[in-house]
Amino acid sequence: VVDSTLSGAPMIAMEAVNKHFGSLHVLK
């Protein structure tokens, strides 16, 4: 995990994101 001000960290970083709507697994 890097300090973005020093590193040029990515503008968006999604890691292992999961999302369900009820029993529907919409983001895996």
PDB file of all heavy atoms in Angstrom:
ATOM      1  N   VAL A   1       0.870  -1.165   0.000  1.00  0.00           N
ATOM      2  CA  VAL A   1       0.000   0.000   0.000  1.00  0.00           C
ATOM      3  C   VAL A   1       0.911   1.220   0.000  1.00  0.00           C
ATOM      4  O   VAL A   1       1.690   1.413   0.918  1.00  0.00           O
ATOM      5  CB  VAL A   1      -0.903   0.015   1.251  1.00  0.00           C
ATOM      6  CG1 VAL A   1      -1.818   1.226   1.212  1.00  0.00           C
ATOM      7  CG2 VAL A   1      -1.706  -1.268   1.337  1.00  0.00           C
ATOM      8  N   VAL A   2       0.815   2.010  -1.040  1.00  0.00           N
ATOM      9  CA  VAL A   2       1.792   3.064  -1.241  1.00  0.00           C
ATOM     10  C   VAL A   2       1.126   4.421  -1.106  1.00  0.00           C
ATOM     11  O   VAL A   2      -0.019   4.603  -1.513  1.00  0.00           O
ATOM     12  CB  VAL A   2       2.396   2.935  -2.659  1.00  0.00           C
ATOM     13  CG1 VAL A   2       3.583   3.860  -2.807  1.00  0.00           C
ATOM     14  CG2 VAL A   2       2.819   1.513  -2.940  1.00  0.00           C
ATOM     15  N   ASP A   3       1.840   5.360  -0.529  1.00  0.00           N
ATOM     16  CA  ASP A   3       1.344   6.734  -0.455  1.00  0.00           C
ATOM     17  C   ASP A   3       1.288   7.295  -1.868  1.00  0.00           C
ATOM     18  O   ASP A   3       2.302   7.451  -2.530  1.00  0.00           O
ATOM     19  CB  ASP A   3       2.313   7.558   0.408  1.00  0.00           C
ATOM     20  CG  ASP A   3       1.897   9.024   0.483  1.00  0.00           C
ATOM     21  OD1 ASP A   3       0.922   9.399  -0.182  1.00  0.00           O
ATOM     22  OD2 ASP A   3       2.559   9.777   1.210  1.00  0.00           O
ATOM     23  N   SER A   4       0.062   7.608  -2.332  1.00  0.00           N
ATOM     24  CA  SER A   4      -0.118   7.996  -3.734  1.00  0.00           C
ATOM     25  C   SER A   4       0.593   9.289  -4.075  1.00  0.00           C
ATOM     26  O   SER A   4       0.966   9.523  -5.202  1.00  0.00           O
ATOM     27  CB  SER A   4      -1.611   8.139  -4.046  1.00  0.00           C
ATOM     28  OG  SER A   4      -2.148   9.230  -3.360  1.00  0.00           O
ATOM     29  N   THR A   5       0.788  10.161  -3.091  1.00  0.00           N
ATOM     30  CA  THR A   5       1.443  11.433  -3.387  1.00  0.00           C
ATOM     31  C   THR A   5       2.901  11.205  -3.768  1.00  0.00           C
ATOM     32  O   THR A   5       3.489  11.992  -4.489  1.00  0.00           O
ATOM     33  CB  THR A   5       1.375  12.375  -2.168  1.00  0.00           C
ATOM     34  OG1 THR A   5       1.872  11.684  -1.038  1.00  0.00           O
ATOM     35  CG2 THR A   5      -0.038  12.834  -1.909  1.00  0.00           C
ATOM     36  N   LEU A   6       3.498  10.102  -3.262  1.00  0.00           N
ATOM     37  CA  LEU A   6       4.890   9.818  -3.580  1.00  0.00           C
ATOM     38  C   LEU A   6       5.009   8.906  -4.793  1.00  0.00           C
ATOM     39  O   LEU A   6       6.009   8.932  -5.487  1.00  0.00           O
ATOM     40  CB  LEU A   6       5.562   9.110  -2.380  1.00  0.00           C
ATOM     41  CG  LEU A   6       5.514   9.847  -1.040  1.00  0.00           C
ATOM     42  CD1 LEU A   6       6.101   8.977   0.045  1.00  0.00           C
ATOM     43  CD2 LEU A   6       6.274  11.161  -1.146  1.00  0.00           C
ATOM     44  N   SER A   7       4.005   8.098  -5.025  1.00  0.00           N
ATOM     45  CA  SER A   7       4.216   6.947  -5.874  1.00  0.00           C
ATOM     46  C   SER A   7       3.606   7.007  -7.244  1.00  0.00           C
ATOM     47  O   SER A   7       3.984   6.264  -8.105  1.00  0.00           O
ATOM     48  CB  SER A   7       3.558   5.757  -5.220  1.00  0.00           C
ATOM     49  OG  SER A   7       2.172   5.924  -5.347  1.00  0.00           O
ATOM     50  N   GLY A   8       2.593   7.840  -7.409  1.00  0.00           N
ATOM     51  CA  GLY A   8       1.806   7.643  -8.614  1.00  0.00           C
ATOM     52  C   GLY A   8       1.021   6.348  -8.478  1.00  0.00           C
ATOM     53  O   GLY A   8       1.051   5.495  -9.351  1.00  0.00           O
ATOM     54  N   ALA A   9       0.347   6.155  -7.335  1.00  0.00           N
ATOM     55  CA  ALA A   9      -0.557   5.006  -7.189  1.00  0.00           C
ATOM     56  C   ALA A   9      -1.631   5.105  -8.256  1.00  0.00           C
ATOM     57  O   ALA A   9      -1.913   6.194  -8.750  1.00  0.00           O
ATOM     58  CB  ALA A   9      -1.200   5.035  -5.803  1.00  0.00           C
ATOM     59  N   PRO A  10      -2.257   3.981  -8.621  1.00  0.00           N
ATOM     60  CA  PRO A  10      -3.308   4.056  -9.637  1.00  0.00           C
ATOM     61  C   PRO A  10      -4.441   4.975  -9.192  1.00  0.00           C
ATOM     62  O   PRO A  10      -4.681   5.135  -7.995  1.00  0.00           O
ATOM     63  CB  PRO A  10      -3.787   2.607  -9.761  1.00  0.00           C
ATOM     64  CG  PRO A  10      -3.279   1.894  -8.566  1.00  0.00           C
ATOM     65  CD  PRO A  10      -2.056   2.621  -8.116  1.00  0.00           C
ATOM     66  N   MET A  11      -5.103   5.590 -10.158  1.00  0.00           N
ATOM     67  CA  MET A  11      -6.210   6.484  -9.821  1.00  0.00           C
ATOM     68  C   MET A  11      -7.393   5.680  -9.277  1.00  0.00           C
ATOM     69  O   MET A  11      -8.094   6.122  -8.380  1.00  0.00           O
ATOM     70  CB  MET A  11      -6.619   7.286 -11.060  1.00  0.00           C
ATOM     71  CG  MET A  11      -7.615   8.380 -10.749  1.00  0.00           C
ATOM     72  SD  MET A  11      -7.043   9.562  -9.519  1.00  0.00           S
ATOM     73  CE  MET A  11      -6.098  10.669 -10.543  1.00  0.00           C
ATOM     74  N   ILE A  12      -7.623   4.495  -9.845  1.00  0.00           N
ATOM     75  CA  ILE A  12      -8.651   3.585  -9.328  1.00  0.00           C
ATOM     76  C   ILE A  12      -8.001   2.227  -9.118  1.00  0.00           C
ATOM     77  O   ILE A  12      -7.292   1.743 -10.003  1.00  0.00           O
ATOM     78  CB  ILE A  12      -9.820   3.421 -10.325  1.00  0.00           C
ATOM     79  CG1 ILE A  12     -10.465   4.773 -10.652  1.00  0.00           C
ATOM     80  CG2 ILE A  12     -10.874   2.446  -9.777  1.00  0.00           C
ATOM     81  CD1 ILE A  12     -11.458   4.703 -11.812  1.00  0.00           C
ATOM     82  N   ALA A  13      -8.232   1.637  -7.958  1.00  0.00           N
ATOM     83  CA  ALA A  13      -7.742   0.281  -7.699  1.00  0.00           C
ATOM     84  C   ALA A  13      -8.866  -0.519  -7.047  1.00  0.00           C
ATOM     85  O   ALA A  13      -9.315  -0.176  -5.953  1.00  0.00           O
ATOM     86  CB  ALA A  13      -6.514   0.306  -6.803  1.00  0.00           C
ATOM     87  N   MET A  14      -9.321  -1.546  -7.738  1.00  0.00           N
ATOM     88  CA  MET A  14     -10.333  -2.460  -7.188  1.00  0.00           C
ATOM     89  C   MET A  14      -9.635  -3.782  -6.918  1.00  0.00           C
ATOM     90  O   MET A  14      -8.980  -4.338  -7.804  1.00  0.00           O
ATOM     91  CB  MET A  14     -11.476  -2.671  -8.181  1.00  0.00           C
ATOM     92  CG  MET A  14     -12.150  -1.386  -8.630  1.00  0.00           C
ATOM     93  SD  MET A  14     -13.493  -1.679  -9.843  1.00  0.00           S
ATOM     94  CE  MET A  14     -14.810  -2.283  -8.775  1.00  0.00           C
ATOM     95  N   GLU A  15      -9.779  -4.275  -5.690  1.00  0.00           N
ATOM     96  CA  GLU A  15      -9.131  -5.535  -5.329  1.00  0.00           C
ATOM     97  C   GLU A  15     -10.143  -6.503  -4.747  1.00  0.00           C
ATOM     98  O   GLU A  15     -10.807  -6.191  -3.754  1.00  0.00           O
ATOM     99  CB  GLU A  15      -8.004  -5.291  -4.314  1.00  0.00           C
ATOM    100  CG  GLU A  15      -6.802  -4.594  -4.909  1.00  0.00           C
ATOM    101  CD  GLU A  15      -5.625  -4.534  -3.942  1.00  0.00           C
ATOM    102  OE1 GLU A  15      -5.657  -5.258  -2.924  1.00  0.00           O
ATOM    103  OE2 GLU A  15      -4.696  -3.767  -4.215  1.00  0.00           O
ATOM    104  N   ALA A  16     -10.257  -7.660  -5.379  1.00  0.00           N
ATOM    105  CA  ALA A  16     -11.106  -8.758  -4.883  1.00  0.00           C
ATOM    106  C   ALA A  16     -12.512  -8.286  -4.531  1.00  0.00           C
ATOM    107  O   ALA A  16     -13.061  -8.646  -3.491  1.00  0.00           O
ATOM    108  CB  ALA A  16     -10.449  -9.435  -3.679  1.00  0.00           C
ATOM    109  N   VAL A  17     -13.104  -7.475  -5.405  1.00  0.00           N
ATOM    110  CA  VAL A  17     -14.430  -6.905  -5.133  1.00  0.00           C
ATOM    111  C   VAL A  17     -15.529  -7.899  -5.502  1.00  0.00           C
ATOM    112  O   VAL A  17     -15.567  -8.421  -6.625  1.00  0.00           O
ATOM    113  CB  VAL A  17     -14.630  -5.574  -5.901  1.00  0.00           C
ATOM    114  CG1 VAL A  17     -16.079  -5.106  -5.822  1.00  0.00           C
ATOM    115  CG2 VAL A  17     -13.689  -4.500  -5.345  1.00  0.00           C
ATOM    116  N   ASN A  18     -16.420  -8.151  -4.541  1.00  0.00           N
ATOM    117  CA  ASN A  18     -17.576  -9.017  -4.760  1.00  0.00           C
ATOM    118  C   ASN A  18     -18.851  -8.267  -4.416  1.00  0.00           C
ATOM    119  O   ASN A  18     -18.881  -7.457  -3.493  1.00  0.00           O
ATOM    120  CB  ASN A  18     -17.481 -10.276  -3.891  1.00  0.00           C
ATOM    121  CG  ASN A  18     -16.501 -11.278  -4.460  1.00  0.00           C
ATOM    122  OD1 ASN A  18     -16.830 -12.061  -5.335  1.00  0.00           O
ATOM    123  ND2 ASN A  18     -15.260 -11.230  -3.978  1.00  0.00           N
ATOM    124  N   LYS A  19     -19.894  -8.576  -5.164  1.00  0.00           N
ATOM    125  CA  LYS A  19     -21.190  -7.933  -4.943  1.00  0.00           C
ATOM    126  C   LYS A  19     -22.297  -8.932  -5.284  1.00  0.00           C
ATOM    127  O   LYS A  19     -22.248  -9.588  -6.320  1.00  0.00           O
ATOM    128  CB  LYS A  19     -21.288  -6.684  -5.843  1.00  0.00           C
ATOM    129  CG  LYS A  19     -22.687  -6.104  -6.009  1.00  0.00           C
ATOM    130  CD  LYS A  19     -23.094  -5.286  -4.817  1.00  0.00           C
ATOM    131  CE  LYS A  19     -24.481  -4.694  -4.987  1.00  0.00           C
ATOM    132  NZ  LYS A  19     -24.968  -4.114  -3.730  1.00  0.00           N
ATOM    133  N   HIS A  20     -23.264  -9.032  -4.394  1.00  0.00           N
ATOM    134  CA  HIS A  20     -24.439  -9.869  -4.641  1.00  0.00           C
ATOM    135  C   HIS A  20     -25.699  -9.012  -4.645  1.00  0.00           C
ATOM    136  O   HIS A  20     -25.803  -8.047  -3.896  1.00  0.00           O
ATOM    137  CB  HIS A  20     -24.608 -10.928  -3.537  1.00  0.00           C
ATOM    138  CG  HIS A  20     -23.523 -11.963  -3.501  1.00  0.00           C
ATOM    139  ND1 HIS A  20     -22.270 -11.710  -2.965  1.00  0.00           N
ATOM    140  CD2 HIS A  20     -23.505 -13.257  -3.937  1.00  0.00           C
ATOM    141  CE1 HIS A  20     -21.529 -12.808  -3.072  1.00  0.00           C
ATOM    142  NE2 HIS A  20     -22.244 -13.750  -3.656  1.00  0.00           N
ATOM    143  N   PHE A  21     -26.639  -9.359  -5.493  1.00  0.00           N
ATOM    144  CA  PHE A  21     -28.025  -8.894  -5.340  1.00  0.00           C
ATOM    145  C   PHE A  21     -28.821 -10.126  -4.936  1.00  0.00           C
ATOM    146  O   PHE A  21     -29.127 -10.969  -5.777  1.00  0.00           O
ATOM    147  CB  PHE A  21     -28.579  -8.324  -6.654  1.00  0.00           C
ATOM    148  CG  PHE A  21     -27.979  -6.993  -7.050  1.00  0.00           C
ATOM    149  CD1 PHE A  21     -27.417  -6.812  -8.300  1.00  0.00           C
ATOM    150  CD2 PHE A  21     -27.994  -5.919  -6.167  1.00  0.00           C
ATOM    151  CE1 PHE A  21     -26.870  -5.588  -8.675  1.00  0.00           C
ATOM    152  CE2 PHE A  21     -27.452  -4.686  -6.535  1.00  0.00           C
ATOM    153  CZ  PHE A  21     -26.887  -4.522  -7.790  1.00  0.00           C
ATOM    154  N   GLY A  22     -29.096 -10.259  -3.638  1.00  0.00           N
ATOM    155  CA  GLY A  22     -29.746 -11.490  -3.172  1.00  0.00           C
ATOM    156  C   GLY A  22     -28.832 -12.674  -3.452  1.00  0.00           C
ATOM    157  O   GLY A  22     -27.653 -12.669  -3.101  1.00  0.00           O
ATOM    158  N   SER A  23     -29.359 -13.688  -4.142  1.00  0.00           N
ATOM    159  CA  SER A  23     -28.544 -14.881  -4.434  1.00  0.00           C
ATOM    160  C   SER A  23     -27.733 -14.724  -5.722  1.00  0.00           C
ATOM    161  O   SER A  23     -26.942 -15.590  -6.077  1.00  0.00           O
ATOM    162  CB  SER A  23     -29.450 -16.110  -4.551  1.00  0.00           C
ATOM    163  OG  SER A  23     -30.366 -15.912  -5.615  1.00  0.00           O
ATOM    164  N   LEU A  24     -27.925 -13.596  -6.419  1.00  0.00           N
ATOM    165  CA  LEU A  24     -27.217 -13.373  -7.688  1.00  0.00           C
ATOM    166  C   LEU A  24     -25.851 -12.752  -7.411  1.00  0.00           C
ATOM    167  O   LEU A  24     -25.747 -11.696  -6.785  1.00  0.00           O
ATOM    168  CB  LEU A  24     -28.056 -12.432  -8.560  1.00  0.00           C
ATOM    169  CG  LEU A  24     -27.721 -12.363 -10.039  1.00  0.00           C
ATOM    170  CD1 LEU A  24     -27.915 -13.720 -10.706  1.00  0.00           C
ATOM    171  CD2 LEU A  24     -28.596 -11.314 -10.703  1.00  0.00           C
ATOM    172  N   HIS A  25     -24.813 -13.431  -7.872  1.00  0.00           N
ATOM    173  CA  HIS A  25     -23.436 -12.968  -7.663  1.00  0.00           C
ATOM    174  C   HIS A  25     -23.063 -12.090  -8.863  1.00  0.00           C
ATOM    175  O   HIS A  25     -22.643 -12.584  -9.897  1.00  0.00           O
ATOM    176  CB  HIS A  25     -22.515 -14.192  -7.563  1.00  0.00           C
ATOM    177  CG  HIS A  25     -21.179 -13.885  -6.959  1.00  0.00           C
ATOM    178  ND1 HIS A  25     -20.263 -14.870  -6.653  1.00  0.00           N
ATOM    179  CD2 HIS A  25     -20.591 -12.718  -6.601  1.00  0.00           C
ATOM    180  CE1 HIS A  25     -19.177 -14.318  -6.135  1.00  0.00           C
ATOM    181  NE2 HIS A  25     -19.352 -13.011  -6.103  1.00  0.00           N
ATOM    182  N   VAL A  26     -23.220 -10.759  -8.718  1.00  0.00           N
ATOM    183  CA  VAL A  26     -23.120  -9.885  -9.898  1.00  0.00           C
ATOM    184  C   VAL A  26     -21.705  -9.386 -10.181  1.00  0.00           C
ATOM    185  O   VAL A  26     -21.385  -9.035 -11.309  1.00  0.00           O
ATOM    186  CB  VAL A  26     -24.087  -8.674  -9.813  1.00  0.00           C
ATOM    187  CG1 VAL A  26     -25.508  -9.103 -10.030  1.00  0.00           C
ATOM    188  CG2 VAL A  26     -23.935  -7.930  -8.506  1.00  0.00           C
ATOM    189  N   LEU A  27     -20.854  -9.326  -9.146  1.00  0.00           N
ATOM    190  CA  LEU A  27     -19.434  -9.025  -9.365  1.00  0.00           C
ATOM    191  C   LEU A  27     -18.616 -10.089  -8.652  1.00  0.00           C
ATOM    192  O   LEU A  27     -18.764 -10.297  -7.456  1.00  0.00           O
ATOM    193  CB  LEU A  27     -19.068  -7.636  -8.820  1.00  0.00           C
ATOM    194  CG  LEU A  27     -19.664  -6.417  -9.526  1.00  0.00           C
ATOM    195  CD1 LEU A  27     -19.221  -5.131  -8.831  1.00  0.00           C
ATOM    196  CD2 LEU A  27     -19.317  -6.374 -11.010  1.00  0.00           C
ATOM    197  N   LYS A  28     -17.737 -10.756  -9.410  1.00  0.00           N
ATOM    198  CA  LYS A  28     -16.996 -11.897  -8.863  1.00  0.00           C
ATOM    199  C   LYS A  28     -15.498 -11.602  -8.853  1.00  0.00           C
ATOM    200  O   LYS A  28     -14.852 -11.587  -9.908  1.00  0.00           O
ATOM    201  CB  LYS A  28     -17.260 -13.137  -9.728  1.00  0.00           C
ATOM    202  CG  LYS A  28     -18.728 -13.531  -9.796  1.00  0.00           C
ATOM    203  CD  LYS A  28     -18.961 -14.659 -10.803  1.00  0.00           C
ATOM    204  CE  LYS A  28     -20.441 -14.979 -10.921  1.00  0.00           C
ATOM    205  NZ  LYS A  28     -20.720 -15.916 -12.025  1.00  0.00           N
TER     206      LYS A  28
END
